[in-house]
Amino acid sequence: MKRYNNGVWFFILMIVTNTGWAYGGGGSSSSKACAKPKFTNFVPAENAEAKASSAFSFTASKNTYPNSIKVTVKDLPANVKVTPKNDGSFDVNGTLPASLKGPYARIAITADALSNCNGAGGWLVKIAE
């Protein structure tokens, strides 16, 4: 009889545990979802023609850590200046590398934001000869 009792308790425990897992409950309501930084207002525009050493700019969203913004153009680092705007976002201005050649180049952006979220973006420009 004792063995039968242990089996019943085990079966009841399994049903109660599975029912509890069905409702989730693993997440905390205070945890925040990852909000990646966003990049907008690209100048020059996508696929526009630009010369080496010419200026470029874009806007980074307000959840971006400004010191984490990195820009490369065809794997060449680009120096940028980050300026806070009144709405909390950031103006980012830089210059295309002087050694840039080829028909097209991608201006690639990476940055970090709140909650250890990493974001990436960029756009393609045609390099004028």
N, C-alpha and C. Protein backbone atom coordinates (compact mmCIF):
# COMPACT_ATOMS: atom_id res chain seq x y z
N MET A 1 0.83 -1.19 0.00
CA MET A 1 0.00 0.00 0.00
C MET A 1 0.87 1.26 0.00
N LYS A 2 2.00 1.20 0.71
CA LYS A 2 2.89 2.35 0.79
C LYS A 2 3.44 2.69 -0.60
N ARG A 3 3.73 1.70 -1.38
CA ARG A 3 4.26 1.93 -2.72
C ARG A 3 3.18 2.58 -3.59
N TYR A 4 1.95 2.18 -3.45
CA TYR A 4 0.83 2.74 -4.19
C TYR A 4 0.63 4.21 -3.81
N ASN A 5 0.78 4.53 -2.53
CA ASN A 5 0.65 5.91 -2.03
C ASN A 5 1.72 6.81 -2.64
N ASN A 6 2.95 6.35 -2.71
CA ASN A 6 4.02 7.14 -3.31
C ASN A 6 3.74 7.42 -4.79
N GLY A 7 3.22 6.46 -5.49
CA GLY A 7 2.88 6.64 -6.90
C GLY A 7 1.79 7.67 -7.10
N VAL A 8 0.80 7.68 -6.22
CA VAL A 8 -0.30 8.65 -6.31
C VAL A 8 0.24 10.06 -6.07
N TRP A 9 1.06 10.21 -5.07
CA TRP A 9 1.63 11.54 -4.77
C TRP A 9 2.51 12.03 -5.92
N PHE A 10 3.26 11.14 -6.49
CA PHE A 10 4.10 11.51 -7.63
C PHE A 10 3.24 11.98 -8.81
N PHE A 11 2.17 11.26 -9.07
CA PHE A 11 1.26 11.62 -10.16
C PHE A 11 0.60 12.98 -9.90
N ILE A 12 0.17 13.24 -8.69
CA ILE A 12 -0.45 14.53 -8.33
C ILE A 12 0.57 15.66 -8.48
N LEU A 13 1.78 15.41 -8.02
CA LEU A 13 2.83 16.42 -8.13
C LEU A 13 3.12 16.76 -9.59
N MET A 14 3.14 15.77 -10.45
CA MET A 14 3.38 16.01 -11.88
C MET A 14 2.27 16.85 -12.50
N ILE A 15 1.03 16.59 -12.15
CA ILE A 15 -0.10 17.35 -12.70
C ILE A 15 -0.05 18.80 -12.23
N VAL A 16 0.21 19.03 -10.96
CA VAL A 16 0.26 20.38 -10.41
C VAL A 16 1.42 21.16 -11.03
N THR A 17 2.57 20.53 -11.17
CA THR A 17 3.74 21.20 -11.74
C THR A 17 3.49 21.58 -13.19
N ASN A 18 2.95 20.67 -13.99
CA ASN A 18 2.68 20.96 -15.40
C ASN A 18 1.64 22.07 -15.55
N THR A 19 0.65 22.09 -14.69
CA THR A 19 -0.36 23.14 -14.75
C THR A 19 0.27 24.49 -14.44
N GLY A 20 1.16 24.55 -13.50
CA GLY A 20 1.84 25.81 -13.17
C GLY A 20 2.71 26.30 -14.30
N TRP A 21 3.40 25.40 -14.99
CA TRP A 21 4.25 25.79 -16.10
C TRP A 21 3.43 26.29 -17.29
N ALA A 22 2.22 25.81 -17.43
CA ALA A 22 1.38 26.23 -18.55
C ALA A 22 1.06 27.72 -18.50
N TYR A 23 1.06 28.29 -17.32
CA TYR A 23 0.75 29.72 -17.18
C TYR A 23 1.98 30.60 -17.32
N GLY A 24 3.11 30.06 -17.62
CA GLY A 24 4.32 30.85 -17.79
C GLY A 24 4.84 31.30 -16.45
N GLY A 25 4.75 32.55 -16.18
CA GLY A 25 5.19 33.08 -14.89
C GLY A 25 6.69 33.17 -14.77
N GLY A 26 7.43 32.78 -15.80
CA GLY A 26 8.88 32.83 -15.72
C GLY A 26 9.44 34.23 -15.87
N GLY A 27 8.72 35.09 -16.55
CA GLY A 27 9.21 36.45 -16.79
C GLY A 27 8.75 37.40 -15.71
N SER A 28 9.51 38.43 -15.53
CA SER A 28 9.16 39.45 -14.56
C SER A 28 8.52 40.62 -15.28
N SER A 29 7.49 41.19 -14.70
CA SER A 29 6.82 42.31 -15.34
C SER A 29 7.68 43.56 -15.33
N SER A 30 8.71 43.58 -14.50
CA SER A 30 9.57 44.76 -14.45
C SER A 30 10.72 44.68 -15.44
N SER A 31 10.91 43.54 -16.11
CA SER A 31 12.01 43.43 -17.07
C SER A 31 11.63 44.16 -18.36
N LYS A 32 12.62 44.83 -18.96
CA LYS A 32 12.37 45.60 -20.16
C LYS A 32 12.89 44.85 -21.38
N ALA A 33 12.18 45.01 -22.47
CA ALA A 33 12.63 44.41 -23.72
C ALA A 33 13.81 45.20 -24.26
N CYS A 34 14.55 44.56 -25.11
CA CYS A 34 15.71 45.22 -25.71
C CYS A 34 15.24 46.24 -26.74
N ALA A 35 15.60 47.49 -26.56
CA ALA A 35 15.28 48.56 -27.51
C ALA A 35 16.58 48.99 -28.18
N LYS A 36 16.82 48.47 -29.37
CA LYS A 36 18.06 48.77 -30.09
C LYS A 36 18.08 50.23 -30.54
N PRO A 37 19.28 50.80 -30.63
CA PRO A 37 19.36 52.17 -31.14
C PRO A 37 18.95 52.21 -32.61
N LYS A 38 18.34 53.32 -33.00
CA LYS A 38 17.90 53.49 -34.38
C LYS A 38 18.66 54.65 -35.01
N PHE A 39 18.89 54.54 -36.32
CA PHE A 39 19.64 55.55 -37.05
C PHE A 39 18.78 56.04 -38.22
N THR A 40 18.64 57.36 -38.35
CA THR A 40 17.77 57.95 -39.38
C THR A 40 18.43 59.19 -39.98
N ASN A 41 17.71 59.82 -40.91
CA ASN A 41 18.11 61.10 -41.52
C ASN A 41 19.51 61.05 -42.14
N PHE A 42 19.75 60.04 -42.98
CA PHE A 42 21.07 59.86 -43.59
C PHE A 42 21.34 60.92 -44.66
N VAL A 43 22.50 61.57 -44.57
CA VAL A 43 22.96 62.54 -45.57
C VAL A 43 24.40 62.21 -45.90
N PRO A 44 24.76 61.98 -47.16
CA PRO A 44 23.92 62.00 -48.35
C PRO A 44 22.92 60.84 -48.31
N ALA A 45 21.88 60.95 -49.10
CA ALA A 45 20.82 59.94 -49.11
C ALA A 45 21.34 58.60 -49.63
N GLU A 46 20.56 57.56 -49.38
CA GLU A 46 20.88 56.21 -49.86
C GLU A 46 21.13 56.25 -51.38
N ASN A 47 22.23 55.65 -51.83
CA ASN A 47 22.64 55.54 -53.24
C ASN A 47 22.97 56.88 -53.90
N ALA A 48 23.07 57.94 -53.14
CA ALA A 48 23.48 59.23 -53.70
C ALA A 48 24.99 59.21 -53.96
N GLU A 49 25.44 60.11 -54.81
CA GLU A 49 26.85 60.17 -55.14
C GLU A 49 27.58 61.08 -54.16
N ALA A 50 28.75 60.63 -53.70
CA ALA A 50 29.56 61.41 -52.76
C ALA A 50 31.03 61.20 -53.09
N LYS A 51 31.83 62.21 -52.87
CA LYS A 51 33.27 62.13 -53.10
C LYS A 51 33.98 61.71 -51.82
N ALA A 52 35.15 61.11 -51.99
CA ALA A 52 36.00 60.81 -50.82
C ALA A 52 36.28 62.13 -50.12
N SER A 53 36.39 62.11 -48.83
CA SER A 53 36.62 63.28 -47.97
C SER A 53 35.41 64.19 -47.83
N SER A 54 34.26 63.79 -48.38
CA SER A 54 33.06 64.63 -48.21
C SER A 54 32.37 64.29 -46.89
N ALA A 55 31.51 65.19 -46.45
CA ALA A 55 30.85 65.04 -45.15
C ALA A 55 29.64 64.11 -45.25
N PHE A 56 29.32 63.47 -44.14
CA PHE A 56 28.09 62.69 -44.01
C PHE A 56 27.52 62.96 -42.63
N SER A 57 26.24 62.66 -42.46
CA SER A 57 25.61 62.83 -41.15
C SER A 57 24.40 61.92 -41.03
N PHE A 58 24.00 61.69 -39.79
CA PHE A 58 22.79 60.93 -39.49
C PHE A 58 22.37 61.26 -38.07
N THR A 59 21.19 60.79 -37.70
CA THR A 59 20.66 61.00 -36.36
C THR A 59 20.59 59.65 -35.65
N ALA A 60 21.03 59.60 -34.40
CA ALA A 60 20.93 58.40 -33.56
C ALA A 60 19.83 58.63 -32.53
N SER A 61 19.07 57.59 -32.23
CA SER A 61 17.94 57.71 -31.30
C SER A 61 18.41 58.04 -29.89
N LYS A 62 17.48 58.51 -29.07
CA LYS A 62 17.85 58.99 -27.73
C LYS A 62 18.27 57.89 -26.77
N ASN A 63 17.96 56.63 -27.05
CA ASN A 63 18.41 55.56 -26.16
C ASN A 63 19.84 55.10 -26.46
N THR A 64 20.50 55.75 -27.40
CA THR A 64 21.87 55.41 -27.80
C THR A 64 22.88 55.99 -26.82
N TYR A 65 23.88 55.20 -26.44
CA TYR A 65 25.00 55.72 -25.67
C TYR A 65 25.93 56.42 -26.66
N PRO A 66 26.06 57.75 -26.59
CA PRO A 66 26.81 58.48 -27.62
C PRO A 66 28.28 58.07 -27.74
N ASN A 67 28.90 57.68 -26.64
CA ASN A 67 30.32 57.28 -26.69
C ASN A 67 30.53 55.93 -27.38
N SER A 68 29.45 55.18 -27.60
CA SER A 68 29.59 53.86 -28.21
C SER A 68 29.42 53.88 -29.72
N ILE A 69 29.08 55.02 -30.30
CA ILE A 69 28.83 55.10 -31.75
C ILE A 69 30.15 54.94 -32.51
N LYS A 70 30.18 53.95 -33.40
CA LYS A 70 31.35 53.68 -34.24
C LYS A 70 30.88 53.64 -35.70
N VAL A 71 31.66 54.27 -36.57
CA VAL A 71 31.32 54.31 -37.99
C VAL A 71 32.52 53.83 -38.79
N THR A 72 32.27 52.93 -39.74
CA THR A 72 33.29 52.49 -40.69
C THR A 72 32.73 52.65 -42.10
N VAL A 73 33.63 52.90 -43.04
CA VAL A 73 33.25 53.02 -44.45
C VAL A 73 34.18 52.09 -45.22
N LYS A 74 33.62 51.03 -45.79
CA LYS A 74 34.42 50.00 -46.46
C LYS A 74 35.53 49.51 -45.54
N ASP A 75 35.20 49.23 -44.31
CA ASP A 75 36.11 48.74 -43.28
C ASP A 75 37.18 49.75 -42.87
N LEU A 76 37.07 50.99 -43.31
CA LEU A 76 37.98 52.05 -42.87
C LEU A 76 37.28 52.85 -41.78
N PRO A 77 37.95 53.11 -40.66
CA PRO A 77 37.29 53.88 -39.59
C PRO A 77 37.06 55.33 -40.02
N ALA A 78 35.93 55.87 -39.61
CA ALA A 78 35.60 57.27 -39.89
C ALA A 78 35.48 58.01 -38.56
N ASN A 79 36.11 59.16 -38.47
CA ASN A 79 35.98 59.98 -37.27
C ASN A 79 34.64 60.69 -37.30
N VAL A 80 33.96 60.68 -36.16
CA VAL A 80 32.65 61.32 -36.07
C VAL A 80 32.58 62.25 -34.87
N LYS A 81 31.72 63.23 -34.98
CA LYS A 81 31.43 64.14 -33.88
C LYS A 81 29.96 63.94 -33.52
N VAL A 82 29.70 63.68 -32.24
CA VAL A 82 28.34 63.42 -31.77
C VAL A 82 27.88 64.63 -30.96
N THR A 83 26.73 65.18 -31.35
CA THR A 83 26.18 66.37 -30.70
C THR A 83 24.77 66.07 -30.21
N PRO A 84 24.47 66.28 -28.92
CA PRO A 84 23.11 66.04 -28.43
C PRO A 84 22.13 67.08 -29.00
N LYS A 85 20.91 66.61 -29.30
CA LYS A 85 19.85 67.49 -29.77
C LYS A 85 18.89 67.77 -28.62
N ASN A 86 18.03 68.76 -28.78
CA ASN A 86 17.07 69.14 -27.73
C ASN A 86 16.09 68.03 -27.39
N ASP A 87 15.74 67.19 -28.35
CA ASP A 87 14.77 66.12 -28.11
C ASP A 87 15.39 64.87 -27.48
N GLY A 88 16.70 64.89 -27.20
CA GLY A 88 17.37 63.76 -26.57
C GLY A 88 18.11 62.86 -27.54
N SER A 89 17.84 63.00 -28.84
CA SER A 89 18.56 62.20 -29.83
C SER A 89 19.91 62.86 -30.10
N PHE A 90 20.68 62.29 -31.03
CA PHE A 90 22.04 62.77 -31.27
C PHE A 90 22.28 63.00 -32.76
N ASP A 91 22.87 64.15 -33.10
CA ASP A 91 23.36 64.40 -34.45
C ASP A 91 24.77 63.83 -34.53
N VAL A 92 25.03 63.06 -35.58
CA VAL A 92 26.36 62.48 -35.78
C VAL A 92 26.88 62.98 -37.13
N ASN A 93 28.04 63.63 -37.12
CA ASN A 93 28.65 64.18 -38.33
C ASN A 93 30.05 63.59 -38.49
N GLY A 94 30.40 63.28 -39.73
CA GLY A 94 31.72 62.74 -40.01
C GLY A 94 32.15 63.04 -41.43
N THR A 95 33.32 62.54 -41.78
CA THR A 95 33.88 62.74 -43.11
C THR A 95 34.28 61.38 -43.68
N LEU A 96 33.95 61.16 -44.94
CA LEU A 96 34.36 59.93 -45.60
C LEU A 96 35.88 59.89 -45.70
N PRO A 97 36.49 58.71 -45.54
CA PRO A 97 37.95 58.61 -45.64
C PRO A 97 38.46 59.09 -47.01
N ALA A 98 39.61 59.76 -47.00
CA ALA A 98 40.20 60.29 -48.24
C ALA A 98 40.64 59.17 -49.18
N SER A 99 41.00 58.02 -48.64
CA SER A 99 41.51 56.92 -49.46
C SER A 99 40.39 56.07 -50.06
N LEU A 100 39.16 56.49 -49.93
CA LEU A 100 38.01 55.71 -50.39
C LEU A 100 37.97 55.63 -51.91
N LYS A 101 37.86 54.40 -52.44
CA LYS A 101 37.77 54.17 -53.88
C LYS A 101 36.72 53.10 -54.13
N GLY A 102 36.31 53.01 -55.37
CA GLY A 102 35.36 51.97 -55.73
C GLY A 102 34.01 52.55 -56.08
N PRO A 103 33.22 51.73 -56.72
CA PRO A 103 31.94 52.27 -57.18
C PRO A 103 30.97 52.60 -56.03
N TYR A 104 30.95 51.78 -54.99
CA TYR A 104 30.03 52.00 -53.87
C TYR A 104 30.74 51.76 -52.55
N ALA A 105 30.22 52.38 -51.51
CA ALA A 105 30.74 52.16 -50.16
C ALA A 105 29.58 52.17 -49.18
N ARG A 106 29.65 51.29 -48.21
CA ARG A 106 28.63 51.26 -47.16
C ARG A 106 29.15 52.03 -45.95
N ILE A 107 28.35 52.96 -45.49
CA ILE A 107 28.64 53.66 -44.24
C ILE A 107 27.97 52.83 -43.16
N ALA A 108 28.77 52.09 -42.39
CA ALA A 108 28.25 51.13 -41.41
C ALA A 108 28.35 51.72 -40.00
N ILE A 109 27.25 51.61 -39.26
CA ILE A 109 27.16 52.19 -37.92
C ILE A 109 26.90 51.07 -36.91
N THR A 110 27.59 51.13 -35.78
CA THR A 110 27.27 50.27 -34.64
C THR A 110 27.21 51.15 -33.39
N ALA A 111 26.35 50.76 -32.46
CA ALA A 111 26.23 51.51 -31.21
C ALA A 111 25.53 50.65 -30.17
N ASP A 112 25.70 51.04 -28.91
CA ASP A 112 25.05 50.36 -27.80
C ASP A 112 23.94 51.25 -27.26
N ALA A 113 22.97 50.60 -26.59
CA ALA A 113 21.86 51.34 -25.98
C ALA A 113 21.59 50.76 -24.60
N LEU A 114 20.55 51.24 -23.97
CA LEU A 114 20.16 50.77 -22.64
C LEU A 114 19.93 49.27 -22.65
N SER A 115 20.02 48.63 -21.50
CA SER A 115 19.80 47.19 -21.32
C SER A 115 20.74 46.33 -22.16
N ASN A 116 21.95 46.80 -22.39
CA ASN A 116 22.96 46.05 -23.16
C ASN A 116 22.47 45.67 -24.55
N CYS A 117 21.68 46.52 -25.17
CA CYS A 117 21.21 46.27 -26.53
C CYS A 117 22.20 46.86 -27.52
N ASN A 118 22.58 46.06 -28.51
CA ASN A 118 23.50 46.52 -29.55
C ASN A 118 22.70 46.73 -30.83
N GLY A 119 23.00 47.80 -31.53
CA GLY A 119 22.31 48.08 -32.78
C GLY A 119 23.29 48.33 -33.90
N ALA A 120 22.84 48.10 -35.11
CA ALA A 120 23.66 48.34 -36.29
C ALA A 120 22.77 48.91 -37.39
N GLY A 121 23.38 49.68 -38.25
CA GLY A 121 22.65 50.26 -39.37
C GLY A 121 23.63 50.83 -40.35
N GLY A 122 23.11 51.58 -41.29
CA GLY A 122 23.97 52.21 -42.26
C GLY A 122 23.28 52.38 -43.58
N TRP A 123 24.05 52.86 -44.56
CA TRP A 123 23.49 53.07 -45.88
C TRP A 123 24.61 53.04 -46.92
N LEU A 124 24.21 52.91 -48.17
CA LEU A 124 25.14 52.77 -49.28
C LEU A 124 25.22 54.09 -50.05
N VAL A 125 26.44 54.50 -50.40
CA VAL A 125 26.63 55.69 -51.23
C VAL A 125 27.51 55.32 -52.43
N LYS A 126 27.28 56.02 -53.51
CA LYS A 126 28.09 55.84 -54.72
C LYS A 126 29.28 56.78 -54.61
N ILE A 127 30.48 56.25 -54.84
CA ILE A 127 31.69 57.05 -54.72
C ILE A 127 32.02 57.69 -56.07
N ALA A 128 32.04 59.01 -56.09
CA ALA A 128 32.37 59.76 -57.31
C ALA A 128 33.87 59.71 -57.54
N GLU A 129 34.26 59.63 -58.79
CA GLU A 129 35.69 59.60 -59.15
C GLU A 129 36.29 60.97 -59.15
